[in-house]
Amino acid sequence: MSVTLIQQRIADDINKGLLPEETDARHLAEYVVTVQQGMAQQARDGADRSS
């Protein structure tokens, strides 16, 4: 998923009241993508689920 798509989904949840209004959709989306990429890299490198 791209940062822009995740940002749009977060913004939708802000508008629905599911996330606080002060949530920064762009920064949260960038964080989510960073974590996901890190997990993918660890999986690629052979990390097991207990790590």
PDB file of N, CA and C in Angstrom:
ATOM      1  N   MET A   1       0.844  -1.190   0.000  1.00  0.00           N
ATOM      2  CA  MET A   1       0.000   0.000   0.000  1.00  0.00           C
ATOM      3  C   MET A   1       0.884   1.246   0.000  1.00  0.00           C
ATOM      4  N   SER A   2       0.421   2.238  -0.695  1.00  0.00           N
ATOM      5  CA  SER A   2       1.192   3.473  -0.745  1.00  0.00           C
ATOM      6  C   SER A   2       0.847   4.370   0.437  1.00  0.00           C
ATOM      7  N   VAL A   3       1.754   5.277   0.732  1.00  0.00           N
ATOM      8  CA  VAL A   3       1.534   6.234   1.814  1.00  0.00           C
ATOM      9  C   VAL A   3       0.257   7.036   1.551  1.00  0.00           C
ATOM     10  N   THR A   4       0.053   7.430   0.300  1.00  0.00           N
ATOM     11  CA  THR A   4      -1.122   8.252  -0.038  1.00  0.00           C
ATOM     12  C   THR A   4      -2.416   7.502   0.230  1.00  0.00           C
ATOM     13  N   LEU A   5      -2.483   6.235  -0.133  1.00  0.00           N
ATOM     14  CA  LEU A   5      -3.695   5.440   0.096  1.00  0.00           C
ATOM     15  C   LEU A   5      -3.969   5.283   1.592  1.00  0.00           C
ATOM     16  N   ILE A   6      -2.933   4.972   2.352  1.00  0.00           N
ATOM     17  CA  ILE A   6      -3.097   4.835   3.796  1.00  0.00           C
ATOM     18  C   ILE A   6      -3.484   6.169   4.411  1.00  0.00           C
ATOM     19  N   GLN A   7      -2.892   7.247   3.942  1.00  0.00           N
ATOM     20  CA  GLN A   7      -3.239   8.580   4.436  1.00  0.00           C
ATOM     21  C   GLN A   7      -4.718   8.876   4.189  1.00  0.00           C
ATOM     22  N   GLN A   8      -5.221   8.510   3.029  1.00  0.00           N
ATOM     23  CA  GLN A   8      -6.635   8.728   2.721  1.00  0.00           C
ATOM     24  C   GLN A   8      -7.541   7.928   3.661  1.00  0.00           C
ATOM     25  N   ARG A   9      -7.155   6.694   3.938  1.00  0.00           N
ATOM     26  CA  ARG A   9      -7.955   5.856   4.848  1.00  0.00           C
ATOM     27  C   ARG A   9      -7.945   6.436   6.257  1.00  0.00           C
ATOM     28  N   ILE A  10      -6.800   6.918   6.708  1.00  0.00           N
ATOM     29  CA  ILE A  10      -6.701   7.542   8.034  1.00  0.00           C
ATOM     30  C   ILE A  10      -7.545   8.805   8.075  1.00  0.00           C
ATOM     31  N   ALA A  11      -7.455   9.626   7.019  1.00  0.00           N
ATOM     32  CA  ALA A  11      -8.256  10.856   6.959  1.00  0.00           C
ATOM     33  C   ALA A  11      -9.751  10.536   7.008  1.00  0.00           C
ATOM     34  N   ASP A  12     -10.161   9.477   6.329  1.00  0.00           N
ATOM     35  CA  ASP A  12     -11.569   9.060   6.375  1.00  0.00           C
ATOM     36  C   ASP A  12     -11.981   8.722   7.803  1.00  0.00           C
ATOM     37  N   ASP A  13     -11.112   8.010   8.519  1.00  0.00           N
ATOM     38  CA  ASP A  13     -11.419   7.640   9.904  1.00  0.00           C
ATOM     39  C   ASP A  13     -11.434   8.865  10.821  1.00  0.00           C
ATOM     40  N   ILE A  14     -10.606   9.842  10.538  1.00  0.00           N
ATOM     41  CA  ILE A  14     -10.646  11.099  11.303  1.00  0.00           C
ATOM     42  C   ILE A  14     -12.001  11.770  11.077  1.00  0.00           C
ATOM     43  N   ASN A  15     -12.415  11.838   9.811  1.00  0.00           N
ATOM     44  CA  ASN A  15     -13.686  12.475   9.473  1.00  0.00           C
ATOM     45  C   ASN A  15     -14.888  11.743  10.064  1.00  0.00           C
ATOM     46  N   LYS A  16     -14.778  10.419  10.229  1.00  0.00           N
ATOM     47  CA  LYS A  16     -15.858   9.622  10.818  1.00  0.00           C
ATOM     48  C   LYS A  16     -15.855   9.678  12.345  1.00  0.00           C
ATOM     49  N   GLY A  17     -14.821  10.297  12.919  1.00  0.00           N
ATOM     50  CA  GLY A  17     -14.718  10.376  14.361  1.00  0.00           C
ATOM     51  C   GLY A  17     -14.092   9.156  15.009  1.00  0.00           C
ATOM     52  N   LEU A  18     -13.504   8.283  14.206  1.00  0.00           N
ATOM     53  CA  LEU A  18     -12.868   7.075  14.736  1.00  0.00           C
ATOM     54  C   LEU A  18     -11.468   7.354  15.269  1.00  0.00           C
ATOM     55  N   LEU A  19     -10.862   8.428  14.783  1.00  0.00           N
ATOM     56  CA  LEU A  19      -9.555   8.878  15.257  1.00  0.00           C
ATOM     57  C   LEU A  19      -9.697  10.332  15.686  1.00  0.00           C
ATOM     58  N   PRO A  20      -8.867  10.765  16.638  1.00  0.00           N
ATOM     59  CA  PRO A  20      -8.949  12.160  17.094  1.00  0.00           C
ATOM     60  C   PRO A  20      -8.696  13.146  15.953  1.00  0.00           C
ATOM     61  N   GLU A  21      -9.360  14.291  16.016  1.00  0.00           N
ATOM     62  CA  GLU A  21      -9.215  15.324  14.981  1.00  0.00           C
ATOM     63  C   GLU A  21      -7.780  15.807  14.835  1.00  0.00           C
ATOM     64  N   GLU A  22      -7.019  15.797  15.917  1.00  0.00           N
ATOM     65  CA  GLU A  22      -5.648  16.305  15.859  1.00  0.00           C
ATOM     66  C   GLU A  22      -4.653  15.297  15.271  1.00  0.00           C
ATOM     67  N   THR A  23      -5.140  14.131  14.855  1.00  0.00           N
ATOM     68  CA  THR A  23      -4.277  13.129  14.246  1.00  0.00           C
ATOM     69  C   THR A  23      -3.713  13.666  12.936  1.00  0.00           C
ATOM     70  N   ASP A  24      -2.411  13.532  12.760  1.00  0.00           N
ATOM     71  CA  ASP A  24      -1.754  13.948  11.522  1.00  0.00           C
ATOM     72  C   ASP A  24      -1.741  12.742  10.583  1.00  0.00           C
ATOM     73  N   ALA A  25      -2.655  12.744   9.628  1.00  0.00           N
ATOM     74  CA  ALA A  25      -2.836  11.588   8.752  1.00  0.00           C
ATOM     75  C   ALA A  25      -1.571  11.262   7.963  1.00  0.00           C
ATOM     76  N   ARG A  26      -0.877  12.261   7.481  1.00  0.00           N
ATOM     77  CA  ARG A  26       0.323  12.027   6.673  1.00  0.00           C
ATOM     78  C   ARG A  26       1.432  11.371   7.502  1.00  0.00           C
ATOM     79  N   HIS A  27       1.698  11.923   8.670  1.00  0.00           N
ATOM     80  CA  HIS A  27       2.763  11.366   9.507  1.00  0.00           C
ATOM     81  C   HIS A  27       2.419   9.961  10.001  1.00  0.00           C
ATOM     82  N   LEU A  28       1.157   9.740  10.352  1.00  0.00           N
ATOM     83  CA  LEU A  28       0.760   8.405  10.790  1.00  0.00           C
ATOM     84  C   LEU A  28       0.886   7.404   9.641  1.00  0.00           C
ATOM     85  N   ALA A  29       0.506   7.798   8.440  1.00  0.00           N
ATOM     86  CA  ALA A  29       0.638   6.919   7.277  1.00  0.00           C
ATOM     87  C   ALA A  29       2.103   6.587   7.001  1.00  0.00           C
ATOM     88  N   GLU A  30       2.969   7.585   7.102  1.00  0.00           N
ATOM     89  CA  GLU A  30       4.400   7.346   6.895  1.00  0.00           C
ATOM     90  C   GLU A  30       4.941   6.382   7.944  1.00  0.00           C
ATOM     91  N   TYR A  31       4.490   6.512   9.177  1.00  0.00           N
ATOM     92  CA  TYR A  31       4.922   5.605  10.242  1.00  0.00           C
ATOM     93  C   TYR A  31       4.472   4.171   9.938  1.00  0.00           C
ATOM     94  N   VAL A  32       3.209   4.023   9.544  1.00  0.00           N
ATOM     95  CA  VAL A  32       2.679   2.688   9.245  1.00  0.00           C
ATOM     96  C   VAL A  32       3.484   2.035   8.126  1.00  0.00           C
ATOM     97  N   VAL A  33       3.775   2.782   7.077  1.00  0.00           N
ATOM     98  CA  VAL A  33       4.538   2.236   5.952  1.00  0.00           C
ATOM     99  C   VAL A  33       5.955   1.869   6.395  1.00  0.00           C
ATOM    100  N   THR A  34       6.554   2.691   7.231  1.00  0.00           N
ATOM    101  CA  THR A  34       7.901   2.402   7.727  1.00  0.00           C
ATOM    102  C   THR A  34       7.932   1.102   8.527  1.00  0.00           C
ATOM    103  N   VAL A  35       6.958   0.927   9.401  1.00  0.00           N
ATOM    104  CA  VAL A  35       6.888  -0.305  10.197  1.00  0.00           C
ATOM    105  C   VAL A  35       6.656  -1.509   9.293  1.00  0.00           C
ATOM    106  N   GLN A  36       5.751  -1.369   8.339  1.00  0.00           N
ATOM    107  CA  GLN A  36       5.448  -2.476   7.424  1.00  0.00           C
ATOM    108  C   GLN A  36       6.679  -2.857   6.605  1.00  0.00           C
ATOM    109  N   GLN A  37       7.411  -1.869   6.134  1.00  0.00           N
ATOM    110  CA  GLN A  37       8.617  -2.155   5.353  1.00  0.00           C
ATOM    111  C   GLN A  37       9.681  -2.843   6.207  1.00  0.00           C
ATOM    112  N   GLY A  38       9.797  -2.415   7.450  1.00  0.00           N
ATOM    113  CA  GLY A  38      10.741  -3.061   8.354  1.00  0.00           C
ATOM    114  C   GLY A  38      10.382  -4.510   8.621  1.00  0.00           C
ATOM    115  N   MET A  39       9.091  -4.766   8.806  1.00  0.00           N
ATOM    116  CA  MET A  39       8.642  -6.146   9.029  1.00  0.00           C
ATOM    117  C   MET A  39       8.882  -7.000   7.791  1.00  0.00           C
ATOM    118  N   ALA A  40       8.636  -6.434   6.608  1.00  0.00           N
ATOM    119  CA  ALA A  40       8.870  -7.167   5.361  1.00  0.00           C
ATOM    120  C   ALA A  40      10.351  -7.500   5.192  1.00  0.00           C
ATOM    121  N   GLN A  41      11.200  -6.553   5.532  1.00  0.00           N
ATOM    122  CA  GLN A  41      12.637  -6.790   5.411  1.00  0.00           C
ATOM    123  C   GLN A  41      13.088  -7.881   6.375  1.00  0.00           C
ATOM    124  N   GLN A  42      12.585  -7.846   7.603  1.00  0.00           N
ATOM    125  CA  GLN A  42      12.943  -8.890   8.559  1.00  0.00           C
ATOM    126  C   GLN A  42      12.457 -10.250   8.086  1.00  0.00           C
ATOM    127  N   ALA A  43      11.260 -10.308   7.533  1.00  0.00           N
ATOM    128  CA  ALA A  43      10.740 -11.577   7.024  1.00  0.00           C
ATOM    129  C   ALA A  43      11.593 -12.082   5.870  1.00  0.00           C
ATOM    130  N   ARG A  44      11.983 -11.169   4.994  1.00  0.00           N
ATOM    131  CA  ARG A  44      12.818 -11.543   3.865  1.00  0.00           C
ATOM    132  C   ARG A  44      14.162 -12.099   4.335  1.00  0.00           C
ATOM    133  N   ASP A  45      14.668 -11.518   5.426  1.00  0.00           N
ATOM    134  CA  ASP A  45      15.967 -11.936   5.942  1.00  0.00           C
ATOM    135  C   ASP A  45      15.888 -13.168   6.824  1.00  0.00           C
ATOM    136  N   GLY A  46      14.687 -13.705   7.011  1.00  0.00           N
ATOM    137  CA  GLY A  46      14.551 -14.977   7.715  1.00  0.00           C
ATOM    138  C   GLY A  46      14.181 -14.880   9.180  1.00  0.00           C
ATOM    139  N   ALA A  47      13.725 -13.728   9.636  1.00  0.00           N
ATOM    140  CA  ALA A  47      13.309 -13.617  11.048  1.00  0.00           C
ATOM    141  C   ALA A  47      12.133 -14.544  11.292  1.00  0.00           C
ATOM    142  N   ASP A  48      12.128 -15.188  12.451  1.00  0.00           N
ATOM    143  CA  ASP A  48      10.984 -16.021  12.767  1.00  0.00           C
ATOM    144  C   ASP A  48       9.943 -15.209  13.545  1.00  0.00           C
ATOM    145  N   ARG A  49       8.782 -15.777  13.749  1.00  0.00           N
ATOM    146  CA  ARG A  49       7.677 -15.047  14.383  1.00  0.00           C
ATOM    147  C   ARG A  49       7.929 -14.683  15.836  1.00  0.00           C
ATOM    148  N   SER A  50       8.855 -15.365  16.496  1.00  0.00           N
ATOM    149  CA  SER A  50       9.104 -15.078  17.908  1.00  0.00           C
ATOM    150  C   SER A  50      10.023 -13.887  18.115  1.00  0.00           C
ATOM    151  N   SER A  51      10.596 -13.347  17.037  1.00  0.00           N
ATOM    152  CA  SER A  51      11.519 -12.208  17.135  1.00  0.00           C
ATOM    153  C   SER A  51      10.803 -10.933  17.458  1.00  0.00           C
TER     154      SER A  51
END
